[in-house]
């Protein structure tokens, strides 16, 4: 019996058969040897508000629902007055629905 190998592939697979998949090994190497560029800042050093919260001190905040978004000078002047009065944080909600607190 004669065998027709005219359409066979050199590596032994039949005509039209997919080639076997080969796994490639990929290595990740750093470009430069450096010390860490990212360092953790302790929470109490991030802001005065964070320092007060970490120390367990009372934090005073003000919820402020402003009517117009056009005049920022008046808003900043009132924020300075709040800071002078001892307010630590001002919350300005972005919409009327977010001003309500969950109960």
Foldseek 3Di string as FASTA:
>chain_A
DDDDCPQADPVGDGHPDDDDDDDDDDDDDDPDDDDDPDDDDDQLPPDVQSVCVVVVHDAAEEEDEDDDDPDVVVVVVVVVVCVVVPHDYYHYDPDPVVSDDDD
